[in-house]
Amino acid sequence: MPFLTKYQESKFECLIWKIDESAHFFSSKLNIHAVALKQIQLKYRHNDTKVQWLASRYCLELLFERPYQDFIKDNKGKPSLIDQSYELSISHCSRYTAVVKSSYNIGVDIQQSTNKLQRIAHKYISKEILNHLETSPHYLAYLHLYWGIKEALFKAYGKGKLNFIQHLHIKDFVYSAKGTTKAQIIKDDIRIDYDVFFEQQEDFYLCIVTKSNSKIS
């Protein structure tokens, strides 16, 4: 199927694909030669992981109109364009892939609903905030949005070594199916402000963060 949806916002573009196709579908669209495909198959032995990787690269090609070979990862695993003309981020869950493009530092997270977050909520939300969220009829949605926003912040930062409670902070917001808020990364003498976009659509949650100022040059 073609992409599920595409966002065109003031600070970013986002493309989401619902994965119903096989690995062969995406590898043929990417025109991957036999040697490169063999290397990918050896690296991603689990079929779902391989399909997700191929789908994300095809989505990057569609969004940027650039061949997948133009996208690389640094030693921390953060993806980028070879010429660094735009910032980008990638996320995927079992059935969806999301890719984003921006002139600002950016991060994205897409996830399907899971009860697992109730078991690990204390690991990424402070006790005080969690106690407040538990009183909401949208408690499970909040857990997904807090997790997604913090995952997106972690990807935007791209250097690792962030504590999800101590270093990642989200301004209070009222739940809605689509909305915005603010967030910050605060660590040592580092303080970075982000604009947050979030949406609950079909059976997934989408969270995108973009740095509040300073475009890439």
N, C-alpha and C. Protein backbone atom coordinates (compact mmCIF):
# COMPACT_ATOMS: atom_id res chain seq x y z
N MET A 1 0.84 -1.19 0.00
CA MET A 1 0.00 0.00 0.00
C MET A 1 0.88 1.25 0.00
N PRO A 2 0.38 2.39 -0.47
CA PRO A 2 1.17 3.62 -0.37
C PRO A 2 1.24 4.06 1.08
N PHE A 3 1.96 5.16 1.34
CA PHE A 3 2.11 5.60 2.73
C PHE A 3 0.75 5.86 3.37
N LEU A 4 0.69 5.64 4.67
CA LEU A 4 -0.56 5.81 5.41
C LEU A 4 -0.95 7.28 5.51
N THR A 5 0.00 8.11 5.85
CA THR A 5 -0.29 9.54 5.99
C THR A 5 1.00 10.33 5.91
N LYS A 6 0.87 11.62 5.58
CA LYS A 6 2.03 12.52 5.53
C LYS A 6 1.65 13.84 6.18
N TYR A 7 2.50 14.31 7.09
CA TYR A 7 2.29 15.57 7.77
C TYR A 7 3.18 16.64 7.13
N GLN A 8 2.64 17.80 6.93
CA GLN A 8 3.42 18.95 6.47
C GLN A 8 3.18 20.07 7.48
N GLU A 9 4.04 20.16 8.47
CA GLU A 9 3.92 21.18 9.50
C GLU A 9 4.94 22.28 9.25
N SER A 10 4.87 23.34 10.03
CA SER A 10 5.76 24.49 9.79
C SER A 10 7.24 24.15 10.03
N LYS A 11 7.50 23.23 10.97
CA LYS A 11 8.89 22.93 11.31
C LYS A 11 9.35 21.54 10.90
N PHE A 12 8.45 20.72 10.39
CA PHE A 12 8.86 19.38 10.00
C PHE A 12 7.91 18.77 8.98
N GLU A 13 8.40 17.74 8.31
CA GLU A 13 7.58 16.87 7.48
C GLU A 13 7.70 15.45 8.06
N CYS A 14 6.61 14.71 8.01
CA CYS A 14 6.60 13.35 8.55
C CYS A 14 5.85 12.43 7.60
N LEU A 15 6.41 11.26 7.36
CA LEU A 15 5.74 10.26 6.54
C LEU A 15 5.60 8.98 7.37
N ILE A 16 4.40 8.42 7.37
CA ILE A 16 4.12 7.19 8.12
C ILE A 16 3.65 6.11 7.14
N TRP A 17 4.22 4.94 7.28
CA TRP A 17 3.87 3.81 6.42
C TRP A 17 3.36 2.66 7.29
N LYS A 18 2.24 2.10 6.92
CA LYS A 18 1.73 0.90 7.56
C LYS A 18 2.29 -0.31 6.82
N ILE A 19 3.06 -1.12 7.52
CA ILE A 19 3.81 -2.19 6.87
C ILE A 19 2.94 -3.44 6.69
N ASP A 20 2.52 -3.66 5.46
CA ASP A 20 1.80 -4.88 5.09
C ASP A 20 2.58 -5.70 4.07
N GLU A 21 3.71 -5.14 3.61
CA GLU A 21 4.43 -5.74 2.50
C GLU A 21 5.58 -6.63 2.99
N SER A 22 6.15 -7.38 2.09
CA SER A 22 7.28 -8.27 2.39
C SER A 22 8.59 -7.52 2.25
N ALA A 23 9.66 -8.16 2.72
CA ALA A 23 11.00 -7.59 2.55
C ALA A 23 11.32 -7.42 1.07
N HIS A 24 10.88 -8.36 0.25
CA HIS A 24 11.15 -8.29 -1.19
C HIS A 24 10.54 -7.04 -1.81
N PHE A 25 9.34 -6.66 -1.36
CA PHE A 25 8.70 -5.46 -1.91
C PHE A 25 9.60 -4.24 -1.70
N PHE A 26 10.09 -4.06 -0.49
CA PHE A 26 10.88 -2.87 -0.19
C PHE A 26 12.26 -2.94 -0.83
N SER A 27 12.90 -4.13 -0.82
CA SER A 27 14.23 -4.23 -1.42
C SER A 27 14.18 -3.97 -2.92
N SER A 28 13.09 -4.38 -3.58
CA SER A 28 12.96 -4.11 -5.00
C SER A 28 12.73 -2.63 -5.27
N LYS A 29 11.96 -1.96 -4.39
CA LYS A 29 11.74 -0.53 -4.54
C LYS A 29 13.03 0.26 -4.33
N LEU A 30 13.90 -0.26 -3.47
CA LEU A 30 15.16 0.42 -3.17
C LEU A 30 16.26 0.10 -4.18
N ASN A 31 16.00 -0.86 -5.06
CA ASN A 31 17.00 -1.28 -6.06
C ASN A 31 18.31 -1.69 -5.40
N ILE A 32 18.21 -2.50 -4.35
CA ILE A 32 19.39 -2.96 -3.64
C ILE A 32 20.05 -4.10 -4.42
N HIS A 33 21.33 -3.96 -4.71
CA HIS A 33 22.00 -5.02 -5.47
C HIS A 33 22.25 -6.23 -4.57
N ALA A 34 22.55 -7.35 -5.17
CA ALA A 34 22.58 -8.64 -4.48
C ALA A 34 23.55 -8.67 -3.31
N VAL A 35 24.74 -8.09 -3.49
CA VAL A 35 25.75 -8.13 -2.41
C VAL A 35 25.27 -7.34 -1.19
N ALA A 36 24.72 -6.14 -1.44
CA ALA A 36 24.23 -5.31 -0.33
C ALA A 36 23.05 -5.98 0.36
N LEU A 37 22.18 -6.61 -0.42
CA LEU A 37 21.03 -7.29 0.17
C LEU A 37 21.47 -8.45 1.05
N LYS A 38 22.49 -9.16 0.63
CA LYS A 38 23.02 -10.26 1.43
C LYS A 38 23.56 -9.74 2.76
N GLN A 39 24.25 -8.61 2.74
CA GLN A 39 24.78 -8.01 3.96
C GLN A 39 23.66 -7.61 4.91
N ILE A 40 22.59 -7.06 4.35
CA ILE A 40 21.43 -6.68 5.16
C ILE A 40 20.78 -7.91 5.79
N GLN A 41 20.67 -8.98 5.02
CA GLN A 41 20.07 -10.21 5.52
C GLN A 41 20.90 -10.82 6.65
N LEU A 42 22.22 -10.70 6.55
CA LEU A 42 23.09 -11.21 7.60
C LEU A 42 23.00 -10.36 8.86
N LYS A 43 22.85 -9.05 8.68
CA LYS A 43 22.79 -8.14 9.83
C LYS A 43 21.45 -8.22 10.53
N TYR A 44 20.36 -8.33 9.75
CA TYR A 44 19.02 -8.38 10.32
C TYR A 44 18.42 -9.75 10.06
N ARG A 45 18.75 -10.69 10.91
CA ARG A 45 18.33 -12.08 10.69
C ARG A 45 16.85 -12.30 10.99
N HIS A 46 16.29 -11.49 11.90
CA HIS A 46 14.86 -11.62 12.19
C HIS A 46 14.08 -10.89 11.10
N ASN A 47 13.12 -11.57 10.50
CA ASN A 47 12.44 -11.01 9.33
C ASN A 47 11.75 -9.68 9.64
N ASP A 48 11.09 -9.57 10.81
CA ASP A 48 10.39 -8.33 11.14
C ASP A 48 11.36 -7.15 11.21
N THR A 49 12.52 -7.37 11.82
CA THR A 49 13.53 -6.32 11.93
C THR A 49 14.04 -5.91 10.56
N LYS A 50 14.25 -6.90 9.72
CA LYS A 50 14.73 -6.62 8.36
C LYS A 50 13.70 -5.81 7.57
N VAL A 51 12.43 -6.19 7.66
CA VAL A 51 11.38 -5.47 6.95
C VAL A 51 11.28 -4.04 7.46
N GLN A 52 11.38 -3.85 8.77
CA GLN A 52 11.31 -2.50 9.34
C GLN A 52 12.45 -1.63 8.83
N TRP A 53 13.66 -2.19 8.76
CA TRP A 53 14.80 -1.43 8.25
C TRP A 53 14.58 -1.04 6.80
N LEU A 54 14.17 -1.99 5.99
CA LEU A 54 13.94 -1.72 4.57
C LEU A 54 12.82 -0.70 4.38
N ALA A 55 11.75 -0.84 5.16
CA ALA A 55 10.62 0.09 5.04
C ALA A 55 11.04 1.51 5.42
N SER A 56 11.84 1.64 6.47
CA SER A 56 12.27 2.98 6.90
C SER A 56 13.14 3.62 5.84
N ARG A 57 14.01 2.85 5.18
CA ARG A 57 14.86 3.42 4.13
C ARG A 57 14.05 3.81 2.90
N TYR A 58 13.04 3.03 2.59
CA TYR A 58 12.19 3.40 1.47
C TYR A 58 11.41 4.67 1.78
N CYS A 59 10.95 4.79 3.02
CA CYS A 59 10.24 6.01 3.42
C CYS A 59 11.16 7.22 3.38
N LEU A 60 12.42 7.05 3.76
CA LEU A 60 13.38 8.15 3.66
C LEU A 60 13.55 8.58 2.20
N GLU A 61 13.63 7.60 1.31
CA GLU A 61 13.74 7.94 -0.11
C GLU A 61 12.53 8.75 -0.58
N LEU A 62 11.34 8.34 -0.15
CA LEU A 62 10.13 9.05 -0.56
C LEU A 62 10.10 10.47 0.01
N LEU A 63 10.47 10.60 1.28
CA LEU A 63 10.37 11.90 1.95
C LEU A 63 11.43 12.89 1.46
N PHE A 64 12.64 12.41 1.27
CA PHE A 64 13.75 13.29 0.91
C PHE A 64 14.03 13.33 -0.59
N GLU A 65 13.48 12.37 -1.30
CA GLU A 65 13.77 12.22 -2.73
C GLU A 65 15.28 12.08 -2.94
N ARG A 66 15.87 11.23 -2.13
CA ARG A 66 17.30 10.92 -2.18
C ARG A 66 17.46 9.40 -2.06
N PRO A 67 18.48 8.79 -2.66
CA PRO A 67 18.70 7.35 -2.53
C PRO A 67 19.06 6.96 -1.10
N TYR A 68 18.70 5.76 -0.71
CA TYR A 68 18.90 5.34 0.67
C TYR A 68 20.38 5.35 1.06
N GLN A 69 21.27 5.25 0.08
CA GLN A 69 22.71 5.27 0.39
C GLN A 69 23.17 6.62 0.91
N ASP A 70 22.34 7.67 0.74
CA ASP A 70 22.70 9.00 1.25
C ASP A 70 22.47 9.15 2.74
N PHE A 71 21.92 8.11 3.38
CA PHE A 71 21.62 8.17 4.80
C PHE A 71 22.57 7.27 5.57
N ILE A 72 23.19 7.82 6.61
CA ILE A 72 24.18 7.08 7.38
C ILE A 72 23.85 7.18 8.86
N LYS A 73 24.58 6.43 9.68
CA LYS A 73 24.45 6.52 11.14
C LYS A 73 25.82 6.81 11.74
N ASP A 74 25.82 7.63 12.81
CA ASP A 74 27.08 7.88 13.49
C ASP A 74 27.37 6.77 14.49
N ASN A 75 28.44 6.92 15.27
CA ASN A 75 28.83 5.84 16.18
C ASN A 75 27.88 5.67 17.36
N LYS A 76 26.92 6.59 17.52
CA LYS A 76 25.90 6.46 18.55
C LYS A 76 24.59 5.92 17.97
N GLY A 77 24.58 5.68 16.65
CA GLY A 77 23.38 5.15 16.01
C GLY A 77 22.41 6.20 15.53
N LYS A 78 22.79 7.49 15.60
CA LYS A 78 21.90 8.56 15.16
C LYS A 78 21.98 8.69 13.64
N PRO A 79 20.84 8.60 12.95
CA PRO A 79 20.86 8.69 11.49
C PRO A 79 20.98 10.13 11.00
N SER A 80 21.58 10.30 9.83
CA SER A 80 21.71 11.64 9.25
C SER A 80 21.92 11.52 7.75
N LEU A 81 21.78 12.64 7.07
CA LEU A 81 22.14 12.74 5.67
C LEU A 81 23.64 12.94 5.54
N ILE A 82 24.23 12.39 4.50
CA ILE A 82 25.66 12.54 4.31
C ILE A 82 26.05 14.01 4.26
N ASP A 83 25.27 14.83 3.54
CA ASP A 83 25.62 16.25 3.42
C ASP A 83 25.04 17.12 4.54
N GLN A 84 24.30 16.50 5.46
CA GLN A 84 23.73 17.18 6.64
C GLN A 84 22.90 18.41 6.26
N SER A 85 22.25 18.36 5.10
CA SER A 85 21.43 19.48 4.66
C SER A 85 20.11 19.56 5.43
N TYR A 86 19.68 18.45 5.99
CA TYR A 86 18.49 18.40 6.85
C TYR A 86 18.76 17.48 8.02
N GLU A 87 18.00 17.66 9.08
CA GLU A 87 18.00 16.71 10.19
C GLU A 87 16.89 15.70 9.95
N LEU A 88 17.03 14.52 10.53
CA LEU A 88 16.03 13.49 10.35
C LEU A 88 15.99 12.58 11.56
N SER A 89 14.92 11.81 11.64
CA SER A 89 14.78 10.81 12.69
C SER A 89 13.88 9.70 12.19
N ILE A 90 14.06 8.51 12.73
CA ILE A 90 13.33 7.31 12.30
C ILE A 90 12.77 6.60 13.51
N SER A 91 11.57 6.05 13.36
CA SER A 91 11.00 5.21 14.41
C SER A 91 10.15 4.13 13.77
N HIS A 92 10.11 2.97 14.40
CA HIS A 92 9.20 1.94 13.91
C HIS A 92 8.75 1.04 15.06
N CYS A 93 7.57 0.53 14.93
CA CYS A 93 7.05 -0.50 15.82
C CYS A 93 6.67 -1.68 14.93
N SER A 94 5.92 -2.61 15.43
CA SER A 94 5.69 -3.84 14.68
C SER A 94 5.02 -3.62 13.33
N ARG A 95 4.09 -2.66 13.23
CA ARG A 95 3.32 -2.49 12.01
C ARG A 95 3.52 -1.15 11.32
N TYR A 96 4.26 -0.24 11.93
CA TYR A 96 4.39 1.10 11.37
C TYR A 96 5.85 1.56 11.34
N THR A 97 6.14 2.39 10.35
CA THR A 97 7.41 3.10 10.27
C THR A 97 7.11 4.58 10.11
N ALA A 98 7.83 5.42 10.84
CA ALA A 98 7.69 6.87 10.72
C ALA A 98 9.06 7.48 10.48
N VAL A 99 9.15 8.41 9.52
CA VAL A 99 10.39 9.15 9.28
C VAL A 99 10.04 10.64 9.26
N VAL A 100 10.96 11.47 9.76
CA VAL A 100 10.72 12.91 9.81
C VAL A 100 11.91 13.67 9.25
N LYS A 101 11.63 14.85 8.75
CA LYS A 101 12.62 15.72 8.10
C LYS A 101 12.43 17.14 8.63
N SER A 102 13.55 17.83 8.94
CA SER A 102 13.43 19.17 9.49
C SER A 102 14.72 19.95 9.29
N SER A 103 14.60 21.27 9.34
CA SER A 103 15.78 22.14 9.40
C SER A 103 16.22 22.34 10.85
N TYR A 104 15.47 21.75 11.78
CA TYR A 104 15.77 21.83 13.20
C TYR A 104 16.16 20.45 13.72
N ASN A 105 16.89 20.43 14.82
CA ASN A 105 17.15 19.17 15.52
C ASN A 105 15.81 18.52 15.84
N ILE A 106 15.67 17.21 15.54
CA ILE A 106 14.35 16.57 15.59
C ILE A 106 14.44 15.13 16.07
N GLY A 107 13.36 14.66 16.67
CA GLY A 107 13.26 13.27 17.07
C GLY A 107 11.82 12.81 16.93
N VAL A 108 11.63 11.52 16.62
CA VAL A 108 10.28 10.98 16.42
C VAL A 108 10.16 9.64 17.14
N ASP A 109 8.96 9.35 17.60
CA ASP A 109 8.64 8.03 18.15
C ASP A 109 7.24 7.65 17.72
N ILE A 110 7.09 6.41 17.25
CA ILE A 110 5.78 5.87 16.94
C ILE A 110 5.65 4.54 17.66
N GLN A 111 4.50 4.30 18.26
CA GLN A 111 4.30 3.08 19.04
C GLN A 111 2.84 2.68 19.05
N GLN A 112 2.63 1.39 19.12
CA GLN A 112 1.28 0.88 19.27
C GLN A 112 0.96 0.73 20.75
N SER A 113 -0.32 0.71 21.06
CA SER A 113 -0.75 0.65 22.45
C SER A 113 -0.30 -0.65 23.11
N THR A 114 0.21 -0.55 24.33
CA THR A 114 0.65 -1.72 25.07
C THR A 114 0.46 -1.49 26.57
N ASN A 115 0.07 -2.53 27.28
CA ASN A 115 -0.08 -2.44 28.73
C ASN A 115 1.27 -2.49 29.45
N LYS A 116 2.32 -2.82 28.72
CA LYS A 116 3.66 -2.91 29.32
C LYS A 116 4.06 -1.61 29.99
N LEU A 117 3.62 -0.49 29.43
CA LEU A 117 4.03 0.80 29.98
C LEU A 117 3.52 1.02 31.40
N GLN A 118 2.46 0.36 31.77
CA GLN A 118 1.97 0.48 33.15
C GLN A 118 2.96 -0.15 34.13
N ARG A 119 3.66 -1.18 33.68
CA ARG A 119 4.62 -1.87 34.55
C ARG A 119 5.93 -1.10 34.69
N ILE A 120 6.29 -0.32 33.69
CA ILE A 120 7.59 0.36 33.72
C ILE A 120 7.46 1.88 33.87
N ALA A 121 6.24 2.37 34.09
CA ALA A 121 6.01 3.82 34.14
C ALA A 121 6.92 4.51 35.17
N HIS A 122 7.20 3.84 36.29
CA HIS A 122 8.03 4.43 37.34
C HIS A 122 9.47 4.65 36.90
N LYS A 123 9.85 4.03 35.77
CA LYS A 123 11.22 4.16 35.28
C LYS A 123 11.42 5.40 34.40
N TYR A 124 10.32 5.99 33.92
CA TYR A 124 10.48 7.16 33.05
C TYR A 124 9.59 8.34 33.43
N ILE A 125 8.76 8.18 34.48
CA ILE A 125 7.94 9.28 34.98
C ILE A 125 8.15 9.38 36.49
N SER A 126 8.37 10.58 36.99
CA SER A 126 8.59 10.75 38.43
C SER A 126 7.35 10.34 39.22
N LYS A 127 7.55 9.99 40.48
CA LYS A 127 6.46 9.54 41.33
C LYS A 127 5.39 10.61 41.47
N GLU A 128 5.81 11.87 41.62
CA GLU A 128 4.86 12.97 41.78
C GLU A 128 3.97 13.12 40.55
N ILE A 129 4.57 13.11 39.36
CA ILE A 129 3.79 13.25 38.13
C ILE A 129 2.92 12.02 37.90
N LEU A 130 3.46 10.86 38.20
CA LEU A 130 2.71 9.62 38.00
C LEU A 130 1.48 9.58 38.88
N ASN A 131 1.61 10.03 40.12
CA ASN A 131 0.45 10.07 41.02
C ASN A 131 -0.64 10.97 40.47
N HIS A 132 -0.24 12.07 39.85
CA HIS A 132 -1.21 12.99 39.24
C HIS A 132 -1.87 12.35 38.01
N LEU A 133 -1.08 11.72 37.16
CA LEU A 133 -1.62 11.12 35.94
C LEU A 133 -2.58 9.98 36.24
N GLU A 134 -2.36 9.28 37.34
CA GLU A 134 -3.21 8.13 37.69
C GLU A 134 -4.65 8.53 37.96
N THR A 135 -4.90 9.81 38.23
CA THR A 135 -6.25 10.27 38.50
C THR A 135 -7.02 10.58 37.21
N SER A 136 -6.33 10.54 36.08
CA SER A 136 -6.96 10.89 34.80
C SER A 136 -7.63 9.68 34.15
N PRO A 137 -8.78 9.88 33.51
CA PRO A 137 -9.39 8.78 32.74
C PRO A 137 -8.57 8.43 31.50
N HIS A 138 -7.60 9.29 31.16
CA HIS A 138 -6.73 9.06 30.01
C HIS A 138 -5.34 8.59 30.45
N TYR A 139 -5.30 7.92 31.58
CA TYR A 139 -4.03 7.51 32.18
C TYR A 139 -3.15 6.73 31.20
N LEU A 140 -3.70 5.71 30.54
CA LEU A 140 -2.90 4.89 29.64
C LEU A 140 -2.40 5.71 28.45
N ALA A 141 -3.22 6.60 27.95
CA ALA A 141 -2.79 7.47 26.85
C ALA A 141 -1.63 8.36 27.30
N TYR A 142 -1.73 8.91 28.49
CA TYR A 142 -0.63 9.74 29.02
C TYR A 142 0.66 8.94 29.11
N LEU A 143 0.58 7.70 29.56
CA LEU A 143 1.78 6.87 29.66
C LEU A 143 2.45 6.72 28.30
N HIS A 144 1.64 6.51 27.26
CA HIS A 144 2.19 6.37 25.92
C HIS A 144 2.79 7.69 25.42
N LEU A 145 2.13 8.79 25.70
CA LEU A 145 2.63 10.08 25.22
C LEU A 145 3.90 10.50 25.97
N TYR A 146 3.93 10.29 27.28
CA TYR A 146 5.15 10.62 28.02
C TYR A 146 6.32 9.77 27.54
N TRP A 147 6.06 8.49 27.34
CA TRP A 147 7.12 7.61 26.83
C TRP A 147 7.56 8.05 25.44
N GLY A 148 6.60 8.30 24.55
CA GLY A 148 6.92 8.68 23.18
C GLY A 148 7.67 9.99 23.09
N ILE A 149 7.26 10.99 23.88
CA ILE A 149 7.94 12.28 23.86
C ILE A 149 9.37 12.13 24.36
N LYS A 150 9.56 11.36 25.41
CA LYS A 150 10.90 11.18 25.96
C LYS A 150 11.78 10.35 25.03
N GLU A 151 11.21 9.37 24.37
CA GLU A 151 11.97 8.62 23.36
C GLU A 151 12.41 9.54 22.23
N ALA A 152 11.51 10.42 21.80
CA ALA A 152 11.83 11.36 20.73
C ALA A 152 12.92 12.34 21.17
N LEU A 153 12.86 12.80 22.42
CA LEU A 153 13.91 13.67 22.96
C LEU A 153 15.26 12.96 22.98
N PHE A 154 15.24 11.72 23.41
CA PHE A 154 16.47 10.92 23.46
C PHE A 154 17.10 10.80 22.07
N LYS A 155 16.25 10.57 21.05
CA LYS A 155 16.76 10.46 19.68
C LYS A 155 17.27 11.80 19.17
N ALA A 156 16.56 12.88 19.49
CA ALA A 156 17.00 14.20 19.04
C ALA A 156 18.36 14.55 19.64
N TYR A 157 18.54 14.24 20.92
CA TYR A 157 19.81 14.50 21.60
C TYR A 157 20.94 13.71 20.95
N GLY A 158 20.72 12.42 20.76
CA GLY A 158 21.61 11.59 19.96
C GLY A 158 22.94 11.23 20.56
N LYS A 159 23.16 11.54 21.84
CA LYS A 159 24.46 11.27 22.46
C LYS A 159 24.38 10.24 23.57
N GLY A 160 23.18 9.73 23.83
CA GLY A 160 23.00 8.74 24.88
C GLY A 160 23.18 9.33 26.28
N LYS A 161 23.25 8.47 27.26
CA LYS A 161 23.52 8.83 28.66
C LYS A 161 22.54 9.88 29.20
N LEU A 162 21.26 9.65 28.96
CA LEU A 162 20.21 10.50 29.52
C LEU A 162 19.34 9.66 30.44
N ASN A 163 19.06 10.20 31.61
CA ASN A 163 18.12 9.58 32.53
C ASN A 163 16.73 10.13 32.21
N PHE A 164 15.77 9.24 31.93
CA PHE A 164 14.46 9.68 31.46
C PHE A 164 13.69 10.49 32.49
N ILE A 165 13.98 10.32 33.77
CA ILE A 165 13.30 11.11 34.80
C ILE A 165 14.10 12.38 35.13
N GLN A 166 15.39 12.25 35.31
CA GLN A 166 16.20 13.37 35.76
C GLN A 166 16.49 14.39 34.66
N HIS A 167 16.65 13.94 33.43
CA HIS A 167 17.13 14.83 32.37
C HIS A 167 16.08 15.24 31.34
N LEU A 168 14.96 14.51 31.26
CA LEU A 168 13.95 14.79 30.25
C LEU A 168 12.67 15.29 30.92
N HIS A 169 12.25 16.50 30.56
CA HIS A 169 11.14 17.15 31.27
C HIS A 169 10.09 17.63 30.26
N ILE A 170 8.82 17.35 30.58
CA ILE A 170 7.70 17.69 29.71
C ILE A 170 6.76 18.64 30.44
N LYS A 171 6.41 19.73 29.79
CA LYS A 171 5.47 20.67 30.39
C LYS A 171 4.09 20.03 30.47
N ASP A 172 3.38 20.27 31.57
CA ASP A 172 2.03 19.72 31.74
C ASP A 172 1.16 20.04 30.53
N PHE A 173 0.37 19.06 30.11
CA PHE A 173 -0.54 19.29 29.00
C PHE A 173 -1.82 18.50 29.22
N VAL A 174 -2.88 18.96 28.62
CA VAL A 174 -4.17 18.27 28.72
C VAL A 174 -4.29 17.30 27.55
N TYR A 175 -4.67 16.07 27.86
CA TYR A 175 -4.76 15.06 26.81
C TYR A 175 -5.79 15.44 25.75
N SER A 176 -5.41 15.22 24.50
CA SER A 176 -6.32 15.30 23.37
C SER A 176 -5.78 14.35 22.31
N ALA A 177 -6.60 14.02 21.33
CA ALA A 177 -6.16 13.09 20.29
C ALA A 177 -5.03 13.69 19.45
N LYS A 178 -4.92 15.04 19.45
CA LYS A 178 -3.86 15.71 18.73
C LYS A 178 -3.55 17.01 19.46
N GLY A 179 -2.27 17.26 19.72
CA GLY A 179 -1.96 18.45 20.47
C GLY A 179 -0.48 18.80 20.46
N THR A 180 -0.13 19.82 21.24
CA THR A 180 1.25 20.28 21.34
C THR A 180 1.57 20.59 22.79
N THR A 181 2.84 20.60 23.10
CA THR A 181 3.32 21.05 24.40
C THR A 181 4.78 21.43 24.26
N LYS A 182 5.48 21.61 25.36
CA LYS A 182 6.90 21.95 25.37
C LYS A 182 7.65 20.90 26.17
N ALA A 183 8.94 20.78 25.90
CA ALA A 183 9.78 19.84 26.64
C ALA A 183 11.20 20.39 26.70
N GLN A 184 11.98 19.84 27.63
CA GLN A 184 13.36 20.27 27.79
C GLN A 184 14.27 19.08 28.07
N ILE A 185 15.49 19.20 27.61
CA ILE A 185 16.57 18.33 28.05
C ILE A 185 17.45 19.18 28.97
N ILE A 186 17.58 18.76 30.22
CA ILE A 186 18.40 19.47 31.20
C ILE A 186 19.39 18.49 31.80
N LYS A 187 20.66 18.72 31.51
CA LYS A 187 21.71 17.83 32.02
C LYS A 187 22.98 18.64 32.24
N ASP A 188 23.48 18.63 33.46
CA ASP A 188 24.67 19.41 33.80
C ASP A 188 24.44 20.87 33.37
N ASP A 189 25.30 21.39 32.50
CA ASP A 189 25.13 22.78 32.05
C ASP A 189 24.40 22.86 30.71
N ILE A 190 23.79 21.75 30.29
CA ILE A 190 23.05 21.71 29.03
C ILE A 190 21.57 21.94 29.29
N ARG A 191 20.96 22.83 28.51
CA ARG A 191 19.52 23.04 28.56
C ARG A 191 19.04 23.30 27.13
N ILE A 192 18.22 22.40 26.62
CA ILE A 192 17.72 22.51 25.25
C ILE A 192 16.20 22.47 25.28
N ASP A 193 15.57 23.46 24.67
CA ASP A 193 14.11 23.56 24.63
C ASP A 193 13.57 22.98 23.32
N TYR A 194 12.45 22.25 23.45
CA TYR A 194 11.83 21.61 22.29
C TYR A 194 10.33 21.90 22.22
N ASP A 195 9.84 22.01 20.99
CA ASP A 195 8.41 22.04 20.73
C ASP A 195 7.96 20.60 20.49
N VAL A 196 6.81 20.26 21.03
CA VAL A 196 6.32 18.88 20.95
C VAL A 196 5.01 18.83 20.17
N PHE A 197 4.93 17.90 19.24
CA PHE A 197 3.70 17.57 18.53
C PHE A 197 3.35 16.13 18.86
N PHE A 198 2.08 15.86 19.18
CA PHE A 198 1.69 14.48 19.44
C PHE A 198 0.31 14.20 18.86
N GLU A 199 0.07 12.94 18.57
CA GLU A 199 -1.23 12.55 18.03
C GLU A 199 -1.48 11.07 18.30
N GLN A 200 -2.71 10.75 18.65
CA GLN A 200 -3.16 9.37 18.72
C GLN A 200 -4.04 9.12 17.50
N GLN A 201 -3.63 8.14 16.69
CA GLN A 201 -4.33 7.88 15.45
C GLN A 201 -4.46 6.38 15.24
N GLU A 202 -5.65 5.92 14.88
CA GLU A 202 -5.89 4.49 14.70
C GLU A 202 -5.38 3.74 15.93
N ASP A 203 -4.39 2.87 15.74
CA ASP A 203 -3.89 2.09 16.87
C ASP A 203 -2.45 2.44 17.21
N PHE A 204 -2.06 3.70 16.98
CA PHE A 204 -0.71 4.10 17.35
C PHE A 204 -0.67 5.51 17.90
N TYR A 205 0.44 5.81 18.60
CA TYR A 205 0.73 7.14 19.12
C TYR A 205 1.96 7.67 18.38
N LEU A 206 1.90 8.93 17.97
CA LEU A 206 3.00 9.57 17.28
C LEU A 206 3.46 10.77 18.10
N CYS A 207 4.76 10.87 18.35
CA CYS A 207 5.33 12.00 19.07
C CYS A 207 6.54 12.53 18.31
N ILE A 208 6.56 13.85 18.10
CA ILE A 208 7.66 14.49 17.38
C ILE A 208 8.13 15.70 18.17
N VAL A 209 9.44 15.82 18.35
CA VAL A 209 10.01 16.98 19.03
C VAL A 209 10.95 17.70 18.07
N THR A 210 10.88 19.03 18.06
CA THR A 210 11.81 19.84 17.28
C THR A 210 12.39 20.92 18.17
N LYS A 211 13.66 21.17 18.00
CA LYS A 211 14.34 22.19 18.80
C LYS A 211 13.65 23.53 18.62
N SER A 212 13.48 24.26 19.70
CA SER A 212 12.67 25.47 19.66
C SER A 212 13.30 26.60 18.87
N ASN A 213 14.60 26.58 18.69
CA ASN A 213 15.25 27.63 17.90
C ASN A 213 16.51 27.06 17.27
N SER A 214 17.22 27.89 16.57
CA SER A 214 18.50 27.54 15.96
C SER A 214 18.36 26.46 14.89
N LYS A 215 18.03 26.89 13.68
CA LYS A 215 18.03 25.99 12.54
C LYS A 215 19.46 25.52 12.27
N ILE A 216 19.57 24.38 11.58
CA ILE A 216 20.90 23.94 11.14
C ILE A 216 21.35 24.87 10.04
N SER A 217 22.64 25.10 9.94
CA SER A 217 23.16 26.01 8.92
C SER A 217 23.71 25.25 7.75
